[in-house]
Amino acid sequence: MSPDLGFNERLLRTVPFTLAPEDVVAAAERLKPLLPPTPYQRSDALSERTGAEVWLKFENVRRTGSYKERGALHALLRLSEEERMRGVITMSAGNHGQALAFHARRLGIRCTVVMPQYTPTVKVERTRTAGAEVVLAGSSLEDTIQEVRARVAASGMKLVHPYDDPDVMAGQGTLALELRVPEFEPEVVIVPVGGGGLIGGMVIGTRCWPRPPEVVGVQAASFPSVAARRSGRRPVFAARSVAEGVAVKEPSSTALALIEQYAVDVEEIAESDIERAVLWLLEHERTCVEGAGALGVALLLRDLHRFQGRKVAVILTGGNIDLPIFATIIQRGLVRTGRLVRLRIRLHDVPGMLAKVADCVARTGANIVEVRHQRSHLNLTAQETDLELELLTRGPDHIADVLQRLESAGFPVTRLDDGSPSEHARG
């Protein structure tokens, strides 16, 4: 690995460094006594659905909820005594900050984490609880650099960059060494891509294998910092992403070089596909994964037959999802898969009509979860009311049965959702 660079140089721009397979192996030896491996097992549901043999690496179950502990702890273990005394600082959208704070406290090192203001509350509070001083600044990860620069100049703290750092990248690459087991050697490894620390480490880490696998990167389409560059486009960024952990505009130049050198394909995934994958993992794998952590599964569910007949490892990189966002994803997912539907029924505003509608719905086995009367609309007569119902159902066929029963009973009904769940969302 290249020698450490000056603070200001590293803050102002990314500077390429070298990383070799032996660096990843050395990182694994340093981490081994302090960081146990995470679960790694076959997904019967994904394997059956895709025709591939799919194994999942559950980095979301780590103490701080993500793979970031690997790089953060390794960087802390590489500090000089003088750097340990000065303390460390970083900018983070959440997971790296939590990991650095947690292990810095274990090692008795002072830690400051600068986070974007939009960072989910769960990540902010867990970073504080882990022992770090948390500073909220700017609307994006890049915006936090000004605050970090000022604090480094004032205090001399050591910057531990979340992804553009040789020790961090080597630590992340140790994941590759845990994916080859006696009963399973992947031919494909699917890796979420944000700043590039993980995929850079994985590309080098898999060079330790006798037969290096194909590495496929997956990036949120709303933040295509790597995918756009790979395809020769100028990246266009959204204001937000459900995968905020990979919402990075300026990736590591080293990671970009490695992606280019090893011809890594980087796919873009739509927000709706990420949401579906989060819900799918909750239902079928009984595991909670944040948007960034679900990117690999989102690719498999979108391109069902792309890896048919191959052995595929997917990294679930993190599980730190904000509860309000999680609740919204669940509700939207129920709508997409036809298990939650909103209906509008025009009724004569007389006693007993609501009971008749409720009885008709009950006979279908659907569950009414919300009822709302609308009497004040100008398009209604004084004797009419619009009744809006939100129903939990078993799926599209069940909704069709509900609609038919209501119409047959003389209740004109209109669906208030699009009524067209996607095919791959049905499973």
Protein backbone atom coordinates (compact mmCIF):
# COMPACT_ATOMS: atom_id res chain seq x y z
CA MET A 1 0.00 0.00 0.00
CA SER A 2 1.11 3.58 -0.59
CA PRO A 3 2.30 5.68 2.37
CA ASP A 4 -0.20 7.89 4.20
CA LEU A 5 -1.03 11.19 2.51
CA GLY A 6 -1.37 14.63 4.04
CA PHE A 7 -4.75 15.59 5.52
CA ASN A 8 -5.49 18.48 3.18
CA GLU A 9 -4.49 16.51 0.09
CA ARG A 10 -6.82 13.67 1.00
CA LEU A 11 -9.68 16.05 1.81
CA LEU A 12 -9.46 18.05 -1.39
CA ARG A 13 -9.34 15.20 -3.90
CA THR A 14 -9.04 11.47 -4.30
CA VAL A 15 -5.47 10.31 -4.85
CA PRO A 16 -4.87 6.86 -6.39
CA PHE A 17 -3.06 4.32 -4.26
CA THR A 18 -2.00 0.75 -4.85
CA LEU A 19 -3.59 -2.29 -3.27
CA ALA A 20 -2.41 -5.89 -3.61
CA PRO A 21 -3.91 -9.26 -2.62
CA GLU A 22 -1.30 -9.62 0.12
CA ASP A 23 -2.60 -6.38 1.69
CA VAL A 24 -6.05 -7.96 2.00
CA VAL A 25 -4.59 -11.16 3.46
CA ALA A 26 -2.60 -9.14 6.01
CA ALA A 27 -5.75 -7.18 6.92
CA ALA A 28 -7.62 -10.45 7.49
CA GLU A 29 -4.91 -11.62 9.89
CA ARG A 30 -5.13 -8.37 11.87
CA LEU A 31 -8.92 -8.52 12.07
CA LYS A 32 -9.26 -12.23 12.81
CA PRO A 33 -8.91 -12.00 16.63
CA LEU A 34 -11.33 -9.06 16.88
CA LEU A 35 -13.97 -9.49 14.18
CA PRO A 36 -15.66 -12.89 13.71
CA PRO A 37 -17.04 -13.93 10.30
CA THR A 38 -20.69 -13.27 9.52
CA PRO A 39 -23.25 -15.95 8.54
CA TYR A 40 -23.08 -17.20 4.97
CA GLN A 41 -25.70 -19.58 3.68
CA ARG A 42 -27.69 -20.78 0.69
CA SER A 43 -30.93 -18.98 -0.16
CA ASP A 44 -33.38 -21.66 -1.24
CA ALA A 45 -35.95 -19.01 -2.24
CA LEU A 46 -33.59 -17.03 -4.47
CA SER A 47 -32.03 -20.17 -5.91
CA GLU A 48 -35.43 -21.54 -6.91
CA ARG A 49 -36.57 -18.21 -8.32
CA THR A 50 -33.47 -17.47 -10.41
CA GLY A 51 -32.27 -20.94 -11.43
CA ALA A 52 -28.86 -20.10 -9.95
CA GLU A 53 -27.31 -21.39 -6.75
CA VAL A 54 -27.44 -18.25 -4.60
CA TRP A 55 -25.70 -17.78 -1.26
CA LEU A 56 -26.16 -14.72 0.94
CA LYS A 57 -23.50 -13.11 3.12
CA PHE A 58 -25.25 -11.49 6.09
CA GLU A 59 -23.09 -8.47 6.91
CA ASN A 60 -26.26 -6.74 8.15
CA VAL A 61 -26.08 -8.71 11.41
CA ARG A 62 -22.83 -7.17 12.63
CA ARG A 63 -22.86 -5.28 15.92
CA THR A 64 -23.10 -1.92 14.15
CA GLY A 65 -25.20 -3.33 11.31
CA SER A 66 -22.86 -3.34 8.32
CA TYR A 67 -19.67 -4.57 6.65
CA LYS A 68 -18.07 -1.18 7.37
CA GLU A 69 -16.62 -2.56 10.61
CA ARG A 70 -14.00 -4.37 8.55
CA GLY A 71 -12.44 -1.26 7.03
CA ALA A 72 -12.97 1.01 10.04
CA LEU A 73 -11.37 -1.38 12.53
CA HIS A 74 -8.49 -2.19 10.21
CA ALA A 75 -7.73 1.51 9.72
CA LEU A 76 -7.79 2.06 13.49
CA LEU A 77 -5.42 -0.87 14.05
CA ARG A 78 -2.98 0.72 11.59
CA LEU A 79 -2.78 4.07 13.42
CA SER A 80 0.50 5.20 14.93
CA GLU A 81 0.60 5.98 18.63
CA GLU A 82 0.69 9.70 17.87
CA GLU A 83 -2.40 9.40 15.61
CA ARG A 84 -4.26 7.47 18.30
CA MET A 85 -3.56 10.28 20.76
CA ARG A 86 -4.90 12.95 18.35
CA GLY A 87 -8.10 11.04 17.63
CA VAL A 88 -9.90 10.30 14.36
CA ILE A 89 -12.51 12.03 12.25
CA THR A 90 -14.60 10.94 9.31
CA MET A 91 -17.55 11.90 7.13
CA SER A 92 -20.25 9.30 6.81
CA ALA A 93 -23.84 8.74 5.71
CA GLY A 94 -24.12 6.42 8.70
CA ASN A 95 -22.60 2.96 8.56
CA HIS A 96 -18.92 3.89 8.41
CA GLY A 97 -19.46 6.45 11.16
CA GLN A 98 -21.12 3.92 13.44
CA ALA A 99 -18.40 1.35 12.80
CA LEU A 100 -15.57 3.81 13.40
CA ALA A 101 -17.21 5.18 16.56
CA PHE A 102 -17.83 1.72 17.99
CA HIS A 103 -14.31 0.39 17.48
CA ALA A 104 -12.63 3.68 18.38
CA ARG A 105 -14.32 3.53 21.77
CA ARG A 106 -13.21 -0.09 22.20
CA LEU A 107 -9.63 1.00 21.50
CA GLY A 108 -9.82 4.17 23.62
CA ILE A 109 -9.55 6.58 20.65
CA ARG A 110 -11.48 9.85 20.44
CA CYS A 111 -13.78 9.95 17.40
CA THR A 112 -15.76 12.65 15.55
CA VAL A 113 -18.24 11.82 12.78
CA VAL A 114 -19.60 14.46 10.40
CA MET A 115 -22.89 13.34 8.81
CA PRO A 116 -25.21 14.86 6.19
CA GLN A 117 -28.33 16.43 7.66
CA TYR A 118 -30.65 13.98 5.85
CA THR A 119 -29.00 10.94 7.48
CA PRO A 120 -31.66 8.59 8.92
CA THR A 121 -32.24 9.18 12.61
CA VAL A 122 -31.40 5.58 13.50
CA LYS A 123 -27.88 6.00 12.11
CA VAL A 124 -27.31 9.35 13.81
CA GLU A 125 -28.43 8.11 17.21
CA ARG A 126 -26.53 4.85 17.00
CA THR A 127 -23.36 6.72 16.07
CA ARG A 128 -23.78 8.96 19.12
CA THR A 129 -24.52 5.96 21.31
CA ALA A 130 -21.36 4.29 20.03
CA GLY A 131 -19.39 7.11 21.61
CA ALA A 132 -18.66 9.57 18.79
CA GLU A 133 -19.17 13.30 18.68
CA VAL A 134 -21.70 13.68 15.83
CA VAL A 135 -21.84 16.83 13.72
CA LEU A 136 -24.61 17.32 11.11
CA ALA A 137 -23.52 19.39 8.12
CA GLY A 138 -24.68 19.77 4.51
CA SER A 139 -27.16 17.82 2.44
CA SER A 140 -24.81 15.22 0.97
CA LEU A 141 -21.67 13.30 1.85
CA GLU A 142 -19.63 15.65 -0.32
CA ASP A 143 -21.02 18.67 1.56
CA THR A 144 -19.51 17.41 4.81
CA ILE A 145 -15.96 17.88 3.53
CA GLN A 146 -15.84 21.58 4.43
CA GLU A 147 -16.68 20.78 8.05
CA VAL A 148 -14.17 17.94 8.18
CA ARG A 149 -11.47 20.16 6.67
CA ALA A 150 -12.01 22.83 9.30
CA ARG A 151 -11.91 20.37 12.18
CA VAL A 152 -8.79 18.62 10.91
CA ALA A 153 -7.01 21.98 10.58
CA ALA A 154 -8.05 22.97 14.10
CA SER A 155 -7.36 19.70 15.92
CA GLY A 156 -4.93 17.63 13.84
CA MET A 157 -7.24 14.61 14.02
CA LYS A 158 -6.55 11.75 11.64
CA LEU A 159 -9.02 11.44 8.78
CA VAL A 160 -10.26 7.88 8.26
CA HIS A 161 -11.95 8.24 4.88
CA PRO A 162 -15.05 6.03 4.48
CA TYR A 163 -13.90 4.50 1.19
CA ASP A 164 -10.90 6.31 -0.36
CA ASP A 165 -8.26 4.89 1.98
CA PRO A 166 -5.91 1.93 1.44
CA ASP A 167 -6.37 0.50 4.95
CA VAL A 168 -10.15 0.83 4.77
CA MET A 169 -10.29 -0.75 1.32
CA ALA A 170 -8.03 -3.62 2.38
CA GLY A 171 -10.29 -4.22 5.37
CA GLN A 172 -13.40 -4.32 3.21
CA GLY A 173 -11.66 -6.76 0.88
CA THR A 174 -11.41 -9.33 3.68
CA LEU A 175 -15.03 -10.15 2.87
CA ALA A 176 -13.80 -11.90 -0.27
CA LEU A 177 -11.77 -14.35 1.81
CA GLU A 178 -14.94 -15.57 3.56
CA LEU A 179 -16.94 -16.31 0.40
CA ARG A 180 -15.03 -19.46 -0.61
CA VAL A 181 -16.09 -22.36 1.60
CA PRO A 182 -15.64 -26.12 1.08
CA GLU A 183 -19.23 -26.60 -0.07
CA PHE A 184 -19.50 -23.50 -2.26
CA GLU A 185 -17.13 -21.59 -4.51
CA PRO A 186 -18.91 -18.68 -6.26
CA GLU A 187 -18.54 -18.03 -9.95
CA VAL A 188 -20.16 -14.59 -9.55
CA VAL A 189 -19.98 -12.13 -6.66
CA ILE A 190 -22.53 -9.28 -6.62
CA VAL A 191 -21.36 -6.19 -4.74
CA PRO A 192 -23.18 -2.90 -3.96
CA VAL A 193 -21.28 0.16 -5.15
CA GLY A 194 -21.20 3.62 -3.58
CA GLY A 195 -17.84 5.25 -2.99
CA GLY A 196 -16.05 2.13 -4.21
CA GLY A 197 -14.29 0.98 -1.04
CA LEU A 198 -16.04 -2.38 -0.97
CA ILE A 199 -15.91 -3.24 -4.64
CA GLY A 200 -12.27 -2.11 -4.85
CA GLY A 201 -11.40 -4.36 -1.92
CA MET A 202 -13.45 -7.23 -3.34
CA VAL A 203 -11.81 -7.04 -6.77
CA ILE A 204 -8.39 -7.33 -5.13
CA GLY A 205 -9.51 -9.81 -2.46
CA THR A 206 -10.89 -12.22 -5.05
CA ARG A 207 -7.49 -12.19 -6.80
CA CYS A 208 -6.43 -14.44 -3.90
CA TRP A 209 -8.70 -17.18 -5.22
CA PRO A 210 -7.31 -19.92 -7.50
CA ARG A 211 -10.10 -19.05 -9.98
CA PRO A 212 -11.19 -15.44 -9.43
CA PRO A 213 -14.96 -15.01 -9.92
CA GLU A 214 -16.79 -12.47 -12.03
CA VAL A 215 -17.44 -9.41 -9.87
CA VAL A 216 -20.63 -7.50 -10.69
CA GLY A 217 -21.26 -4.09 -9.15
CA VAL A 218 -24.74 -2.73 -8.45
CA GLN A 219 -25.49 0.96 -8.01
CA ALA A 220 -28.64 2.96 -7.32
CA ALA A 221 -29.75 4.57 -10.61
CA SER A 222 -30.37 7.80 -8.69
CA PHE A 223 -26.63 8.02 -7.87
CA PRO A 224 -24.85 6.45 -10.90
CA SER A 225 -21.41 7.85 -10.08
CA VAL A 226 -19.61 4.72 -11.34
CA ALA A 227 -22.10 3.20 -13.79
CA ALA A 228 -22.44 6.43 -15.77
CA ARG A 229 -18.69 6.82 -16.08
CA ARG A 230 -18.36 3.19 -17.21
CA SER A 231 -20.87 3.79 -20.00
CA GLY A 232 -19.38 7.15 -21.02
CA ARG A 233 -22.26 9.25 -19.68
CA ARG A 234 -22.20 12.28 -17.47
CA PRO A 235 -23.77 11.21 -14.15
CA VAL A 236 -27.01 12.90 -13.13
CA PHE A 237 -27.90 12.66 -9.45
CA ALA A 238 -31.19 12.72 -7.61
CA ALA A 239 -31.71 14.65 -4.38
CA ARG A 240 -32.26 11.48 -2.33
CA SER A 241 -32.21 7.70 -2.56
CA VAL A 242 -33.72 4.93 -0.47
CA ALA A 243 -30.19 3.50 -0.72
CA GLU A 244 -28.59 6.46 1.04
CA GLY A 245 -25.60 4.32 2.01
CA VAL A 246 -24.41 4.38 -1.62
CA ALA A 247 -25.53 7.93 -2.46
CA VAL A 248 -22.01 9.07 -3.40
CA LYS A 249 -21.17 11.50 -6.19
CA GLU A 250 -17.35 11.24 -6.15
CA PRO A 251 -16.12 7.64 -5.85
CA SER A 252 -12.59 6.58 -5.06
CA SER A 253 -10.24 7.05 -7.99
CA THR A 254 -8.51 3.83 -7.00
CA ALA A 255 -11.79 1.94 -7.10
CA LEU A 256 -12.58 3.42 -10.52
CA ALA A 257 -9.19 2.31 -11.80
CA LEU A 258 -9.69 -1.23 -10.47
CA ILE A 259 -13.18 -1.44 -11.96
CA GLU A 260 -11.73 -0.40 -15.30
CA GLN A 261 -8.70 -2.69 -15.03
CA TYR A 262 -10.76 -5.80 -14.29
CA ALA A 263 -13.68 -4.84 -16.58
CA VAL A 264 -16.22 -4.97 -13.77
CA ASP A 265 -19.79 -4.58 -14.98
CA VAL A 266 -21.69 -2.01 -12.86
CA GLU A 267 -25.49 -2.17 -13.12
CA GLU A 268 -27.98 0.56 -12.19
CA ILE A 269 -31.09 -0.30 -10.16
CA ALA A 270 -34.26 1.78 -9.92
CA GLU A 271 -35.62 2.95 -6.57
CA SER A 272 -38.74 0.81 -6.93
CA ASP A 273 -36.63 -2.33 -7.49
CA ILE A 274 -34.57 -1.55 -4.37
CA GLU A 275 -37.74 -1.18 -2.31
CA ARG A 276 -39.05 -4.51 -3.61
CA ALA A 277 -35.80 -6.24 -2.66
CA VAL A 278 -35.92 -4.87 0.90
CA LEU A 279 -39.44 -6.24 1.33
CA TRP A 280 -38.55 -9.52 -0.40
CA LEU A 281 -35.68 -10.13 2.01
CA LEU A 282 -37.91 -9.42 4.98
CA GLU A 283 -40.56 -11.87 3.78
CA HIS A 284 -38.44 -14.68 2.35
CA GLU A 285 -35.16 -14.49 4.30
CA ARG A 286 -36.58 -13.03 7.53
CA THR A 287 -33.84 -10.43 7.59
CA CYS A 288 -33.88 -6.63 7.79
CA VAL A 289 -31.70 -4.99 5.12
CA GLU A 290 -31.33 -1.31 4.25
CA GLY A 291 -31.70 -0.06 0.69
CA ALA A 292 -27.98 -0.15 -0.12
CA GLY A 293 -27.68 -3.63 1.38
CA ALA A 294 -30.47 -4.97 -0.86
CA LEU A 295 -28.93 -3.89 -4.18
CA GLY A 296 -27.59 -7.33 -5.09
CA VAL A 297 -30.91 -9.03 -4.47
CA ALA A 298 -32.64 -6.25 -6.42
CA LEU A 299 -30.49 -7.15 -9.44
CA LEU A 300 -31.32 -10.85 -9.14
CA LEU A 301 -35.07 -10.17 -8.88
CA ARG A 302 -35.00 -7.74 -11.79
CA ASP A 303 -32.94 -9.96 -14.13
CA LEU A 304 -34.29 -13.32 -13.03
CA HIS A 305 -32.47 -15.55 -15.52
CA ARG A 306 -29.23 -13.65 -16.00
CA PHE A 307 -27.21 -15.98 -13.75
CA GLN A 308 -29.15 -19.18 -14.36
CA GLY A 309 -27.06 -22.28 -13.77
CA ARG A 310 -24.25 -20.35 -12.05
CA LYS A 311 -23.04 -20.10 -8.45
CA VAL A 312 -23.70 -16.60 -7.13
CA ALA A 313 -22.69 -14.90 -3.88
CA VAL A 314 -24.62 -11.79 -2.83
CA ILE A 315 -23.46 -9.47 -0.06
CA LEU A 316 -26.16 -7.99 2.17
CA THR A 317 -23.99 -5.07 3.19
CA GLY A 318 -26.09 -3.41 5.89
CA GLY A 319 -29.28 -3.42 7.94
CA ASN A 320 -29.47 0.10 9.37
CA ILE A 321 -32.76 1.28 7.93
CA ASP A 322 -34.80 4.10 9.42
CA LEU A 323 -38.08 2.75 10.80
CA PRO A 324 -40.36 5.32 9.05
CA ILE A 325 -38.64 4.52 5.73
CA PHE A 326 -38.99 0.80 6.45
CA ALA A 327 -42.70 1.21 7.22
CA THR A 328 -43.21 3.16 3.99
CA ILE A 329 -41.39 0.51 1.94
CA ILE A 330 -43.55 -2.22 3.47
CA GLN A 331 -46.77 -0.35 2.73
CA ARG A 332 -45.74 0.53 -0.82
CA GLY A 333 -44.67 -3.07 -1.35
CA LEU A 334 -48.06 -4.35 -0.24
CA VAL A 335 -49.67 -2.06 -2.80
CA ARG A 336 -47.32 -3.20 -5.57
CA THR A 337 -47.98 -6.87 -4.90
CA GLY A 338 -51.74 -6.39 -4.70
CA ARG A 339 -52.09 -7.05 -0.99
CA LEU A 340 -53.12 -3.54 -0.03
CA VAL A 341 -55.72 -1.73 -2.12
CA ARG A 342 -57.73 1.48 -1.84
CA LEU A 343 -61.27 1.56 -3.20
CA ARG A 344 -63.85 4.33 -3.65
CA ILE A 345 -67.54 3.45 -3.55
CA ARG A 346 -70.40 5.90 -4.16
CA LEU A 347 -73.29 5.32 -1.78
CA HIS A 348 -76.69 6.73 -0.90
CA ASP A 349 -76.10 8.53 2.40
CA VAL A 350 -78.64 6.61 4.47
CA PRO A 351 -78.30 4.54 7.66
CA GLY A 352 -77.06 0.98 7.23
CA MET A 353 -75.16 1.40 3.94
CA LEU A 354 -71.72 1.20 5.55
CA ALA A 355 -72.72 -2.02 7.31
CA LYS A 356 -73.88 -3.53 4.02
CA VAL A 357 -70.57 -2.69 2.32
CA ALA A 358 -68.60 -4.05 5.27
CA ASP A 359 -70.60 -7.27 5.22
CA CYS A 360 -69.99 -7.68 1.49
CA VAL A 361 -66.23 -7.20 1.94
CA ALA A 362 -66.14 -9.55 4.94
CA ARG A 363 -67.73 -12.32 2.88
CA THR A 364 -64.72 -12.19 0.51
CA GLY A 365 -62.25 -12.62 3.37
CA ALA A 366 -60.61 -9.22 2.85
CA ASN A 367 -59.76 -7.09 5.90
CA ILE A 368 -60.79 -3.43 6.14
CA VAL A 369 -57.93 -1.43 7.69
CA GLU A 370 -59.16 2.13 7.02
CA VAL A 371 -62.51 3.77 6.33
CA ARG A 372 -63.12 7.35 5.22
CA HIS A 373 -66.35 9.16 4.28
CA GLN A 374 -66.32 12.06 1.82
CA ARG A 375 -69.54 14.11 1.93
CA SER A 376 -68.31 17.61 1.07
CA HIS A 377 -67.20 17.13 -2.55
CA LEU A 378 -69.14 19.37 -4.95
CA ASN A 379 -69.57 16.54 -7.45
CA LEU A 380 -71.80 14.73 -4.92
CA THR A 381 -75.47 15.38 -4.37
CA ALA A 382 -76.69 16.11 -0.85
CA GLN A 383 -77.92 12.50 -0.59
CA GLU A 384 -74.63 10.89 -1.64
CA THR A 385 -71.32 10.05 -0.02
CA ASP A 386 -68.05 8.67 -1.27
CA LEU A 387 -66.76 5.83 0.87
CA GLU A 388 -63.01 5.15 0.68
CA LEU A 389 -61.79 1.79 1.94
CA GLU A 390 -58.26 0.45 2.41
CA LEU A 391 -58.23 -3.33 2.33
CA LEU A 392 -55.66 -6.01 3.07
CA THR A 393 -56.02 -8.87 0.60
CA ARG A 394 -54.23 -12.03 -0.47
CA GLY A 395 -53.20 -10.62 -3.83
CA PRO A 396 -54.46 -9.57 -7.30
CA ASP A 397 -56.90 -12.47 -7.72
CA HIS A 398 -58.41 -11.75 -4.34
CA ILE A 399 -58.82 -8.06 -5.25
CA ALA A 400 -60.64 -9.07 -8.43
CA ASP A 401 -63.03 -11.16 -6.33
CA VAL A 402 -63.69 -8.22 -3.98
CA LEU A 403 -64.43 -5.90 -6.91
CA GLN A 404 -66.78 -8.41 -8.51
CA ARG A 405 -68.69 -8.98 -5.26
CA LEU A 406 -69.14 -5.25 -4.64
CA GLU A 407 -70.31 -4.58 -8.20
CA SER A 408 -72.74 -7.53 -8.04
CA ALA A 409 -74.15 -6.15 -4.80
CA GLY A 410 -74.90 -2.83 -6.50
CA PHE A 411 -71.95 -0.84 -5.19
CA PRO A 412 -70.11 0.98 -8.05
CA VAL A 413 -66.40 0.82 -7.14
CA THR A 414 -63.23 2.54 -8.38
CA ARG A 415 -59.67 1.49 -7.58
CA LEU A 416 -57.49 4.34 -6.31
CA ASP A 417 -54.14 2.62 -6.99
CA ASP A 418 -52.77 1.69 -10.42
CA GLY A 419 -53.99 -1.87 -10.12
CA SER A 420 -51.01 -3.34 -11.98
CA PRO A 421 -48.44 -5.03 -9.72
CA SER A 422 -45.29 -6.00 -11.59
CA GLU A 423 -44.71 -9.64 -12.42
CA HIS A 424 -41.54 -10.11 -10.37
CA ALA A 425 -43.14 -8.35 -7.40
CA ARG A 426 -45.81 -11.05 -7.15
CA GLY A 427 -43.33 -13.57 -5.72
